[in-house]
N, C-alpha and C. Protein backbone atom coordinates (compact mmCIF):
# COMPACT_ATOMS: atom_id res chain seq x y z
N MET A 1 0.85 -1.18 0.00
CA MET A 1 0.00 0.00 0.00
C MET A 1 0.89 1.24 0.00
N PRO A 2 0.61 2.22 -0.88
CA PRO A 2 1.46 3.40 -0.97
C PRO A 2 1.34 4.28 0.27
N HIS A 3 2.40 4.96 0.57
CA HIS A 3 2.42 5.91 1.67
C HIS A 3 1.42 7.02 1.38
N LEU A 4 0.77 7.55 2.43
CA LEU A 4 -0.28 8.56 2.27
C LEU A 4 0.21 9.78 1.49
N SER A 5 1.40 10.28 1.79
CA SER A 5 1.90 11.46 1.08
C SER A 5 2.19 11.15 -0.38
N THR A 6 2.62 9.90 -0.67
CA THR A 6 2.85 9.50 -2.05
C THR A 6 1.52 9.43 -2.80
N ALA A 7 0.51 8.86 -2.16
CA ALA A 7 -0.81 8.77 -2.78
C ALA A 7 -1.38 10.17 -3.04
N SER A 8 -1.19 11.06 -2.09
CA SER A 8 -1.66 12.43 -2.25
C SER A 8 -0.91 13.13 -3.38
N ALA A 9 0.39 12.93 -3.44
CA ALA A 9 1.19 13.53 -4.52
C ALA A 9 0.77 12.96 -5.88
N ASP A 10 0.53 11.64 -5.92
CA ASP A 10 0.07 11.02 -7.16
C ASP A 10 -1.29 11.58 -7.58
N ARG A 11 -2.17 11.74 -6.61
CA ARG A 11 -3.50 12.28 -6.90
C ARG A 11 -3.38 13.70 -7.46
N ASP A 12 -2.55 14.52 -6.83
CA ASP A 12 -2.34 15.89 -7.31
C ASP A 12 -1.76 15.89 -8.72
N ALA A 13 -0.79 15.02 -8.97
CA ALA A 13 -0.16 14.94 -10.30
C ALA A 13 -1.18 14.52 -11.36
N VAL A 14 -2.02 13.56 -11.01
CA VAL A 14 -3.04 13.09 -11.95
C VAL A 14 -4.05 14.20 -12.23
N LEU A 15 -4.52 14.87 -11.19
CA LEU A 15 -5.49 15.95 -11.40
C LEU A 15 -4.90 17.09 -12.21
N THR A 16 -3.66 17.44 -11.96
CA THR A 16 -2.99 18.48 -12.73
C THR A 16 -2.88 18.08 -14.20
N ALA A 17 -2.44 16.85 -14.43
CA ALA A 17 -2.31 16.37 -15.81
C ALA A 17 -3.66 16.33 -16.51
N ALA A 18 -4.68 15.85 -15.82
CA ALA A 18 -6.02 15.77 -16.42
C ALA A 18 -6.56 17.16 -16.72
N GLU A 19 -6.36 18.08 -15.80
CA GLU A 19 -6.83 19.46 -16.00
C GLU A 19 -6.14 20.10 -17.20
N GLU A 20 -4.85 19.88 -17.34
CA GLU A 20 -4.10 20.44 -18.48
C GLU A 20 -4.58 19.82 -19.79
N MET A 21 -4.90 18.53 -19.77
CA MET A 21 -5.36 17.87 -20.99
C MET A 21 -6.73 18.37 -21.41
N VAL A 22 -7.59 18.60 -20.44
CA VAL A 22 -8.95 19.05 -20.75
C VAL A 22 -8.96 20.52 -21.10
N GLY A 23 -8.24 21.32 -20.32
CA GLY A 23 -8.23 22.77 -20.55
C GLY A 23 -9.65 23.31 -20.52
N THR A 24 -10.01 24.05 -21.53
CA THR A 24 -11.37 24.58 -21.62
C THR A 24 -12.23 23.74 -22.56
N GLY A 25 -11.69 22.64 -23.03
CA GLY A 25 -12.40 21.82 -24.00
C GLY A 25 -13.15 20.65 -23.39
N SER A 26 -13.29 19.65 -24.18
CA SER A 26 -14.08 18.48 -23.84
C SER A 26 -13.25 17.45 -23.08
N PHE A 27 -13.93 16.58 -22.38
CA PHE A 27 -13.28 15.50 -21.65
C PHE A 27 -13.05 14.27 -22.52
N THR A 28 -13.37 14.33 -23.79
CA THR A 28 -13.27 13.15 -24.65
C THR A 28 -11.83 12.67 -24.80
N ARG A 29 -10.85 13.57 -24.76
CA ARG A 29 -9.44 13.18 -24.89
C ARG A 29 -8.89 12.55 -23.61
N LEU A 30 -9.64 12.64 -22.55
CA LEU A 30 -9.17 12.20 -21.24
C LEU A 30 -9.31 10.68 -21.12
N THR A 31 -8.21 9.99 -21.30
CA THR A 31 -8.20 8.54 -21.10
C THR A 31 -7.22 8.23 -19.98
N PRO A 32 -7.45 7.15 -19.26
CA PRO A 32 -6.50 6.80 -18.18
C PRO A 32 -5.07 6.68 -18.69
N ALA A 33 -4.86 6.09 -19.83
CA ALA A 33 -3.50 5.91 -20.36
C ALA A 33 -2.84 7.26 -20.65
N SER A 34 -3.59 8.17 -21.28
CA SER A 34 -3.00 9.47 -21.62
C SER A 34 -2.71 10.30 -20.37
N VAL A 35 -3.58 10.21 -19.38
CA VAL A 35 -3.36 10.96 -18.14
C VAL A 35 -2.17 10.38 -17.38
N ALA A 36 -2.09 9.06 -17.32
CA ALA A 36 -0.97 8.41 -16.63
C ALA A 36 0.35 8.84 -17.26
N ARG A 37 0.41 8.82 -18.59
CA ARG A 37 1.63 9.25 -19.29
C ARG A 37 1.97 10.70 -18.94
N SER A 38 0.97 11.56 -19.03
CA SER A 38 1.19 12.98 -18.77
C SER A 38 1.61 13.24 -17.32
N ALA A 39 1.10 12.44 -16.40
CA ALA A 39 1.43 12.61 -14.98
C ALA A 39 2.74 11.92 -14.60
N GLY A 40 3.29 11.14 -15.54
CA GLY A 40 4.53 10.43 -15.25
C GLY A 40 4.33 9.22 -14.35
N LEU A 41 3.16 8.61 -14.44
CA LEU A 41 2.84 7.45 -13.61
C LEU A 41 2.52 6.25 -14.50
N SER A 42 2.60 5.09 -13.91
CA SER A 42 2.15 3.90 -14.64
C SER A 42 0.63 3.87 -14.60
N LEU A 43 0.04 3.14 -15.52
CA LEU A 43 -1.41 3.00 -15.55
C LEU A 43 -1.91 2.34 -14.26
N ASP A 44 -1.17 1.37 -13.77
CA ASP A 44 -1.54 0.71 -12.51
C ASP A 44 -1.53 1.71 -11.35
N ARG A 45 -0.54 2.59 -11.34
CA ARG A 45 -0.44 3.60 -10.27
C ARG A 45 -1.64 4.56 -10.36
N LEU A 46 -1.97 4.97 -11.58
CA LEU A 46 -3.13 5.86 -11.76
C LEU A 46 -4.39 5.17 -11.25
N ARG A 47 -4.55 3.91 -11.59
CA ARG A 47 -5.76 3.17 -11.18
C ARG A 47 -5.81 2.94 -9.68
N SER A 48 -4.67 3.01 -9.01
CA SER A 48 -4.70 2.90 -7.55
C SER A 48 -5.23 4.18 -6.91
N VAL A 49 -5.14 5.27 -7.67
CA VAL A 49 -5.64 6.56 -7.19
C VAL A 49 -7.07 6.79 -7.66
N PHE A 50 -7.34 6.52 -8.93
CA PHE A 50 -8.68 6.64 -9.53
C PHE A 50 -8.99 5.33 -10.23
N ALA A 51 -9.87 4.56 -9.66
CA ALA A 51 -10.14 3.21 -10.18
C ALA A 51 -10.74 3.23 -11.58
N THR A 52 -11.55 4.26 -11.88
CA THR A 52 -12.22 4.32 -13.18
C THR A 52 -12.06 5.70 -13.79
N ARG A 53 -12.31 5.78 -15.07
CA ARG A 53 -12.29 7.07 -15.77
C ARG A 53 -13.35 7.99 -15.16
N SER A 54 -14.49 7.44 -14.83
CA SER A 54 -15.57 8.22 -14.22
C SER A 54 -15.12 8.84 -12.90
N ASP A 55 -14.36 8.08 -12.10
CA ASP A 55 -13.84 8.63 -10.84
C ASP A 55 -12.91 9.81 -11.12
N LEU A 56 -12.10 9.69 -12.15
CA LEU A 56 -11.17 10.75 -12.52
C LEU A 56 -11.92 11.99 -13.00
N VAL A 57 -12.91 11.80 -13.87
CA VAL A 57 -13.70 12.92 -14.37
C VAL A 57 -14.41 13.61 -13.21
N GLN A 58 -14.96 12.83 -12.32
CA GLN A 58 -15.65 13.42 -11.17
C GLN A 58 -14.68 14.23 -10.32
N ALA A 59 -13.49 13.72 -10.08
CA ALA A 59 -12.50 14.43 -9.28
C ALA A 59 -12.08 15.75 -9.95
N VAL A 60 -11.90 15.72 -11.27
CA VAL A 60 -11.54 16.94 -11.99
C VAL A 60 -12.67 17.96 -11.86
N CYS A 61 -13.89 17.51 -12.05
CA CYS A 61 -15.04 18.42 -11.95
C CYS A 61 -15.20 18.98 -10.54
N GLU A 62 -15.01 18.14 -9.55
CA GLU A 62 -15.09 18.62 -8.17
C GLU A 62 -14.00 19.64 -7.88
N ALA A 63 -12.80 19.40 -8.37
CA ALA A 63 -11.70 20.36 -8.17
C ALA A 63 -12.02 21.68 -8.88
N ARG A 64 -12.59 21.60 -10.08
CA ARG A 64 -12.98 22.82 -10.80
C ARG A 64 -14.05 23.57 -10.04
N HIS A 65 -15.03 22.84 -9.52
CA HIS A 65 -16.10 23.49 -8.77
C HIS A 65 -15.53 24.20 -7.54
N GLN A 66 -14.67 23.50 -6.80
CA GLN A 66 -14.09 24.10 -5.59
C GLN A 66 -13.29 25.35 -5.92
N ALA A 67 -12.52 25.31 -7.00
CA ALA A 67 -11.74 26.47 -7.41
C ALA A 67 -12.66 27.61 -7.84
N TRP A 68 -13.72 27.27 -8.60
CA TRP A 68 -14.67 28.28 -9.06
C TRP A 68 -15.34 28.95 -7.87
N PHE A 69 -15.79 28.14 -6.93
CA PHE A 69 -16.50 28.70 -5.78
C PHE A 69 -15.56 29.52 -4.89
N ARG A 70 -14.33 29.05 -4.72
CA ARG A 70 -13.33 29.78 -3.94
C ARG A 70 -13.06 31.15 -4.58
N ASP A 71 -12.93 31.18 -5.91
CA ASP A 71 -12.70 32.44 -6.62
C ASP A 71 -13.91 33.37 -6.52
N LEU A 72 -15.11 32.79 -6.60
CA LEU A 72 -16.33 33.60 -6.45
C LEU A 72 -16.35 34.25 -5.07
N LEU A 73 -16.13 33.46 -4.02
CA LEU A 73 -16.14 34.00 -2.66
C LEU A 73 -15.07 35.07 -2.48
N ALA A 74 -13.91 34.87 -3.08
CA ALA A 74 -12.84 35.87 -3.00
C ALA A 74 -13.27 37.17 -3.67
N SER A 75 -14.01 37.07 -4.78
CA SER A 75 -14.46 38.29 -5.46
C SER A 75 -15.46 39.08 -4.62
N LEU A 76 -16.17 38.38 -3.74
CA LEU A 76 -17.16 39.06 -2.90
C LEU A 76 -16.52 39.88 -1.79
N THR A 77 -15.30 39.56 -1.43
CA THR A 77 -14.65 40.28 -0.33
C THR A 77 -14.34 41.74 -0.68
N ALA A 78 -14.37 42.06 -1.96
CA ALA A 78 -14.12 43.44 -2.38
C ALA A 78 -15.28 44.36 -2.00
N GLU A 79 -16.44 43.76 -1.76
CA GLU A 79 -17.63 44.53 -1.40
C GLU A 79 -18.01 44.26 0.05
N ALA A 80 -18.24 45.31 0.82
CA ALA A 80 -18.62 45.14 2.23
C ALA A 80 -20.14 44.96 2.39
N ASP A 81 -20.89 45.62 1.56
CA ASP A 81 -22.36 45.60 1.65
C ASP A 81 -22.91 44.31 1.03
N PRO A 82 -23.71 43.55 1.77
CA PRO A 82 -24.27 42.31 1.22
C PRO A 82 -25.08 42.52 -0.07
N ARG A 83 -25.74 43.67 -0.18
CA ARG A 83 -26.48 43.96 -1.41
C ARG A 83 -25.52 44.04 -2.60
N ASP A 84 -24.40 44.72 -2.39
CA ASP A 84 -23.40 44.81 -3.45
C ASP A 84 -22.77 43.44 -3.73
N GLN A 85 -22.64 42.62 -2.70
CA GLN A 85 -22.12 41.27 -2.91
C GLN A 85 -23.06 40.44 -3.77
N ILE A 86 -24.36 40.62 -3.58
CA ILE A 86 -25.35 39.92 -4.41
C ILE A 86 -25.12 40.29 -5.87
N LEU A 87 -24.98 41.56 -6.15
CA LEU A 87 -24.77 42.01 -7.52
C LEU A 87 -23.39 41.59 -8.04
N GLU A 88 -22.41 41.48 -7.14
CA GLU A 88 -21.08 41.03 -7.52
C GLU A 88 -21.11 39.59 -8.04
N VAL A 89 -22.01 38.77 -7.52
CA VAL A 89 -22.14 37.39 -8.02
C VAL A 89 -22.44 37.43 -9.52
N PHE A 90 -23.32 38.33 -9.92
CA PHE A 90 -23.66 38.46 -11.34
C PHE A 90 -22.45 38.93 -12.15
N LEU A 91 -21.68 39.88 -11.59
CA LEU A 91 -20.47 40.35 -12.29
C LEU A 91 -19.46 39.22 -12.43
N TYR A 92 -19.31 38.42 -11.39
CA TYR A 92 -18.38 37.30 -11.46
C TYR A 92 -18.78 36.34 -12.58
N ILE A 93 -20.06 36.02 -12.64
CA ILE A 93 -20.56 35.11 -13.68
C ILE A 93 -20.33 35.73 -15.07
N GLU A 94 -20.55 37.03 -15.18
CA GLU A 94 -20.36 37.70 -16.47
C GLU A 94 -18.93 37.58 -16.98
N HIS A 95 -17.97 37.68 -16.08
CA HIS A 95 -16.56 37.69 -16.49
C HIS A 95 -15.89 36.32 -16.38
N ASP A 96 -16.62 35.35 -15.90
CA ASP A 96 -16.06 34.01 -15.69
C ASP A 96 -15.99 33.25 -17.00
N GLN A 97 -14.82 32.71 -17.30
CA GLN A 97 -14.64 31.95 -18.54
C GLN A 97 -15.07 30.49 -18.40
N ALA A 98 -15.08 29.97 -17.17
CA ALA A 98 -15.41 28.56 -16.97
C ALA A 98 -16.91 28.32 -17.04
N GLY A 99 -17.69 29.35 -16.80
CA GLY A 99 -19.14 29.17 -16.79
C GLY A 99 -19.61 28.90 -15.38
N CYS A 100 -20.89 29.09 -15.17
CA CYS A 100 -21.43 28.97 -13.82
C CYS A 100 -21.29 27.57 -13.27
N CYS A 101 -21.36 26.58 -14.09
CA CYS A 101 -21.08 25.21 -13.65
C CYS A 101 -19.89 24.73 -14.46
N PRO A 102 -18.69 24.78 -13.89
CA PRO A 102 -17.47 24.67 -14.67
C PRO A 102 -17.17 23.32 -15.34
N CYS A 103 -18.06 22.38 -15.32
CA CYS A 103 -17.81 21.10 -16.01
C CYS A 103 -18.94 20.68 -16.92
N LEU A 104 -20.06 21.35 -16.83
CA LEU A 104 -21.25 20.89 -17.51
C LEU A 104 -21.07 20.76 -19.02
N THR A 105 -20.46 21.73 -19.64
CA THR A 105 -20.29 21.69 -21.09
C THR A 105 -19.28 20.63 -21.51
N GLY A 106 -18.15 20.59 -20.87
CA GLY A 106 -17.09 19.67 -21.27
C GLY A 106 -17.42 18.22 -21.10
N VAL A 107 -18.12 17.88 -20.01
CA VAL A 107 -18.46 16.49 -19.75
C VAL A 107 -19.70 16.10 -20.52
N GLY A 108 -20.65 16.99 -20.59
CA GLY A 108 -21.90 16.71 -21.28
C GLY A 108 -23.01 16.43 -20.28
N THR A 109 -24.19 16.92 -20.57
CA THR A 109 -25.29 16.80 -19.61
C THR A 109 -25.89 15.41 -19.57
N GLY A 110 -25.60 14.56 -20.51
CA GLY A 110 -26.17 13.22 -20.52
C GLY A 110 -25.45 12.26 -19.58
N GLN A 111 -24.38 12.69 -18.96
CA GLN A 111 -23.63 11.80 -18.08
C GLN A 111 -24.01 12.06 -16.63
N ASN A 112 -24.18 10.98 -15.88
CA ASN A 112 -24.62 11.10 -14.49
C ASN A 112 -23.70 11.97 -13.66
N VAL A 113 -22.39 11.85 -13.85
CA VAL A 113 -21.45 12.63 -13.06
C VAL A 113 -21.67 14.12 -13.27
N ALA A 114 -21.88 14.55 -14.50
CA ALA A 114 -22.10 15.97 -14.80
C ALA A 114 -23.42 16.45 -14.21
N THR A 115 -24.44 15.64 -14.34
CA THR A 115 -25.75 16.02 -13.82
C THR A 115 -25.71 16.16 -12.30
N ALA A 116 -25.09 15.20 -11.64
CA ALA A 116 -25.00 15.24 -10.18
C ALA A 116 -24.17 16.44 -9.72
N LEU A 117 -23.06 16.69 -10.37
CA LEU A 117 -22.22 17.82 -9.99
C LEU A 117 -22.91 19.15 -10.26
N ALA A 118 -23.64 19.25 -11.36
CA ALA A 118 -24.38 20.47 -11.66
C ALA A 118 -25.44 20.72 -10.59
N SER A 119 -26.11 19.67 -10.16
CA SER A 119 -27.12 19.82 -9.10
C SER A 119 -26.48 20.29 -7.81
N GLY A 120 -25.36 19.69 -7.44
CA GLY A 120 -24.65 20.11 -6.23
C GLY A 120 -24.14 21.53 -6.32
N HIS A 121 -23.68 21.90 -7.51
CA HIS A 121 -23.19 23.25 -7.75
C HIS A 121 -24.32 24.26 -7.54
N LEU A 122 -25.47 23.96 -8.11
CA LEU A 122 -26.63 24.84 -7.98
C LEU A 122 -27.04 24.99 -6.52
N VAL A 123 -27.02 23.90 -5.77
CA VAL A 123 -27.37 23.96 -4.36
C VAL A 123 -26.43 24.91 -3.61
N GLU A 124 -25.14 24.84 -3.91
CA GLU A 124 -24.19 25.75 -3.24
C GLU A 124 -24.43 27.20 -3.63
N VAL A 125 -24.75 27.45 -4.89
CA VAL A 125 -25.06 28.82 -5.32
C VAL A 125 -26.33 29.30 -4.61
N GLU A 126 -27.32 28.43 -4.51
CA GLU A 126 -28.56 28.78 -3.80
C GLU A 126 -28.27 29.13 -2.35
N HIS A 127 -27.44 28.32 -1.68
CA HIS A 127 -27.09 28.60 -0.28
C HIS A 127 -26.36 29.93 -0.15
N LEU A 128 -25.46 30.20 -1.05
CA LEU A 128 -24.73 31.47 -1.02
C LEU A 128 -25.70 32.64 -1.17
N MET A 129 -26.58 32.56 -2.16
CA MET A 129 -27.52 33.67 -2.38
C MET A 129 -28.48 33.82 -1.19
N THR A 130 -28.90 32.72 -0.61
CA THR A 130 -29.77 32.78 0.57
C THR A 130 -29.05 33.48 1.72
N SER A 131 -27.78 33.13 1.91
CA SER A 131 -26.98 33.74 2.96
C SER A 131 -26.79 35.24 2.71
N LEU A 132 -26.47 35.60 1.49
CA LEU A 132 -26.29 37.02 1.16
C LEU A 132 -27.58 37.80 1.34
N CYS A 133 -28.69 37.23 0.90
CA CYS A 133 -29.99 37.91 1.06
C CYS A 133 -30.35 38.07 2.54
N ALA A 134 -30.09 37.04 3.33
CA ALA A 134 -30.38 37.13 4.77
C ALA A 134 -29.52 38.23 5.41
N ARG A 135 -28.23 38.28 5.04
CA ARG A 135 -27.35 39.32 5.59
C ARG A 135 -27.79 40.71 5.17
N ALA A 136 -28.37 40.82 3.98
CA ALA A 136 -28.83 42.12 3.48
C ALA A 136 -30.24 42.47 3.97
N GLY A 137 -30.88 41.53 4.67
CA GLY A 137 -32.22 41.78 5.20
C GLY A 137 -33.35 41.49 4.23
N TYR A 138 -33.07 40.75 3.16
CA TYR A 138 -34.11 40.39 2.20
C TYR A 138 -34.74 39.06 2.59
N PRO A 139 -36.00 38.86 2.22
CA PRO A 139 -36.66 37.58 2.52
C PRO A 139 -36.16 36.45 1.62
N VAL A 140 -36.44 35.23 2.01
CA VAL A 140 -35.99 34.04 1.28
C VAL A 140 -36.48 34.05 -0.17
N PHE A 141 -37.71 34.50 -0.41
CA PHE A 141 -38.22 34.48 -1.78
C PHE A 141 -37.37 35.33 -2.72
N MET A 142 -36.71 36.34 -2.16
CA MET A 142 -35.85 37.19 -2.98
C MET A 142 -34.65 36.37 -3.48
N SER A 143 -34.12 35.55 -2.61
CA SER A 143 -33.00 34.69 -3.00
C SER A 143 -33.43 33.73 -4.11
N ASP A 144 -34.60 33.15 -3.97
CA ASP A 144 -35.09 32.23 -5.00
C ASP A 144 -35.19 32.92 -6.36
N ALA A 145 -35.71 34.15 -6.36
CA ALA A 145 -35.85 34.91 -7.61
C ALA A 145 -34.48 35.25 -8.19
N LEU A 146 -33.55 35.63 -7.34
CA LEU A 146 -32.21 35.98 -7.81
C LEU A 146 -31.48 34.78 -8.39
N VAL A 147 -31.65 33.61 -7.76
CA VAL A 147 -31.03 32.40 -8.29
C VAL A 147 -31.59 32.06 -9.66
N LEU A 148 -32.90 32.21 -9.82
CA LEU A 148 -33.50 31.97 -11.14
C LEU A 148 -32.92 32.91 -12.19
N LEU A 149 -32.78 34.17 -11.84
CA LEU A 149 -32.16 35.13 -12.77
C LEU A 149 -30.72 34.73 -13.09
N LEU A 150 -29.99 34.38 -12.07
CA LEU A 150 -28.58 34.03 -12.23
C LEU A 150 -28.39 32.77 -13.08
N GLU A 151 -29.07 31.72 -12.73
CA GLU A 151 -28.93 30.46 -13.46
C GLU A 151 -29.49 30.55 -14.88
N GLY A 152 -30.60 31.24 -15.03
CA GLY A 152 -31.16 31.42 -16.38
C GLY A 152 -30.19 32.19 -17.27
N ALA A 153 -29.60 33.23 -16.71
CA ALA A 153 -28.63 34.02 -17.48
C ALA A 153 -27.40 33.18 -17.81
N ALA A 154 -26.92 32.40 -16.85
CA ALA A 154 -25.72 31.58 -17.09
C ALA A 154 -25.97 30.57 -18.20
N LEU A 155 -27.15 29.99 -18.24
CA LEU A 155 -27.47 29.04 -19.31
C LEU A 155 -27.63 29.74 -20.66
N THR A 156 -28.24 30.91 -20.63
CA THR A 156 -28.45 31.66 -21.88
C THR A 156 -27.12 32.13 -22.46
N VAL A 157 -26.17 32.45 -21.60
CA VAL A 157 -24.83 32.85 -22.06
C VAL A 157 -24.24 31.76 -22.94
N ARG A 158 -24.41 30.51 -22.54
CA ARG A 158 -23.87 29.39 -23.32
C ARG A 158 -24.53 29.30 -24.69
N ALA A 159 -25.83 29.50 -24.72
CA ALA A 159 -26.55 29.41 -25.99
C ALA A 159 -26.20 30.56 -26.93
N LYS A 160 -26.09 31.76 -26.38
CA LYS A 160 -25.83 32.94 -27.20
C LYS A 160 -24.34 33.26 -27.34
N GLU A 161 -23.51 32.61 -26.54
CA GLU A 161 -22.06 32.86 -26.54
C GLU A 161 -21.75 34.34 -26.40
N SER A 162 -22.46 34.95 -25.45
CA SER A 162 -22.29 36.37 -25.17
C SER A 162 -22.60 36.61 -23.69
N PRO A 163 -21.88 37.53 -23.04
CA PRO A 163 -22.16 37.82 -21.63
C PRO A 163 -23.38 38.73 -21.43
N ALA A 164 -23.98 39.18 -22.50
CA ALA A 164 -25.10 40.14 -22.40
C ALA A 164 -26.24 39.64 -21.50
N PRO A 165 -26.63 38.36 -21.55
CA PRO A 165 -27.72 37.92 -20.68
C PRO A 165 -27.43 38.10 -19.19
N VAL A 166 -26.17 37.98 -18.79
CA VAL A 166 -25.84 38.15 -17.38
C VAL A 166 -25.94 39.63 -17.01
N ARG A 167 -25.53 40.51 -17.92
CA ARG A 167 -25.69 41.95 -17.66
C ARG A 167 -27.16 42.30 -17.48
N THR A 168 -27.99 41.75 -18.35
CA THR A 168 -29.43 42.00 -18.26
C THR A 168 -29.99 41.46 -16.95
N ALA A 169 -29.56 40.25 -16.56
CA ALA A 169 -30.02 39.65 -15.31
C ALA A 169 -29.55 40.48 -14.11
N ARG A 170 -28.33 41.01 -14.19
CA ARG A 170 -27.83 41.85 -13.09
C ARG A 170 -28.67 43.12 -12.96
N THR A 171 -29.01 43.72 -14.08
CA THR A 171 -29.87 44.90 -14.06
C THR A 171 -31.23 44.56 -13.45
N ALA A 172 -31.79 43.43 -13.86
CA ALA A 172 -33.09 43.00 -13.30
C ALA A 172 -32.96 42.73 -11.80
N ALA A 173 -31.84 42.14 -11.38
CA ALA A 173 -31.63 41.88 -9.96
C ALA A 173 -31.54 43.19 -9.18
N ALA A 174 -30.82 44.17 -9.72
CA ALA A 174 -30.70 45.47 -9.05
C ALA A 174 -32.07 46.14 -8.94
N MET A 175 -32.86 46.02 -9.99
CA MET A 175 -34.22 46.61 -9.94
C MET A 175 -35.07 45.88 -8.89
N LEU A 176 -34.98 44.57 -8.85
CA LEU A 176 -35.75 43.79 -7.88
C LEU A 176 -35.34 44.17 -6.45
N LEU A 177 -34.06 44.29 -6.21
CA LEU A 177 -33.59 44.69 -4.88
C LEU A 177 -34.06 46.09 -4.54
N SER A 178 -34.03 47.00 -5.51
CA SER A 178 -34.48 48.37 -5.28
C SER A 178 -35.97 48.44 -5.01
N VAL A 179 -36.75 47.67 -5.74
CA VAL A 179 -38.20 47.66 -5.53
C VAL A 179 -38.51 47.18 -4.11
N TYR A 180 -37.84 46.12 -3.70
CA TYR A 180 -38.09 45.63 -2.35
C TYR A 180 -37.69 46.66 -1.30
N GLU A 181 -36.55 47.32 -1.50
CA GLU A 181 -36.11 48.34 -0.55
C GLU A 181 -37.10 49.50 -0.51
N SER A 182 -37.64 49.90 -1.67
CA SER A 182 -38.60 51.00 -1.73
C SER A 182 -39.90 50.63 -1.03
N SER A 183 -40.39 49.39 -1.27
CA SER A 183 -41.66 48.99 -0.66
C SER A 183 -41.49 48.73 0.82
N ASP A 184 -40.28 48.47 1.27
CA ASP A 184 -40.00 48.19 2.67
C ASP A 184 -40.13 49.46 3.52
N THR A 185 -40.01 50.63 2.91
CA THR A 185 -40.05 51.88 3.67
C THR A 185 -41.46 52.42 3.85
N PHE A 186 -42.45 51.84 3.20
CA PHE A 186 -43.82 52.36 3.33
C PHE A 186 -44.46 51.98 4.63
């Protein structure tokens, strides 16, 4: 049995090699043999870390999601006001090259791993928006509406290959937040 630090180093090497092979494209080129070669490991060593190609794809997607979410949270620290942080989420999505769900396109929606990861990704975005809305003093229904705007815009960006839908969604979100703030003062 390999030493824990060796297994961890092998896992990191495999994920790095797989990420470099996939880049911003499709996962179709990702084969255990090609990743093992690129990582400088034997195929048997790779299989001791990731038993199947599906396990490897899932690990790459999970790493992408964690990096995407970490970067999103870091972008929010520039804004102190939770309302501005809500709108910053839209700006992050607008300028993000990976897309709101950073593996959905490359893996394909017909695969269980992509569908499961996309669902988990959406749940985390929903929790973030709920938290931001609560901190800003907005009700839960506001978070639900904002998530619909955000996710709808993110999907439309893929279809239109333009960031314009996210800008439109951000404007709609700002109007929605303003309307609630205005009605709250009556």
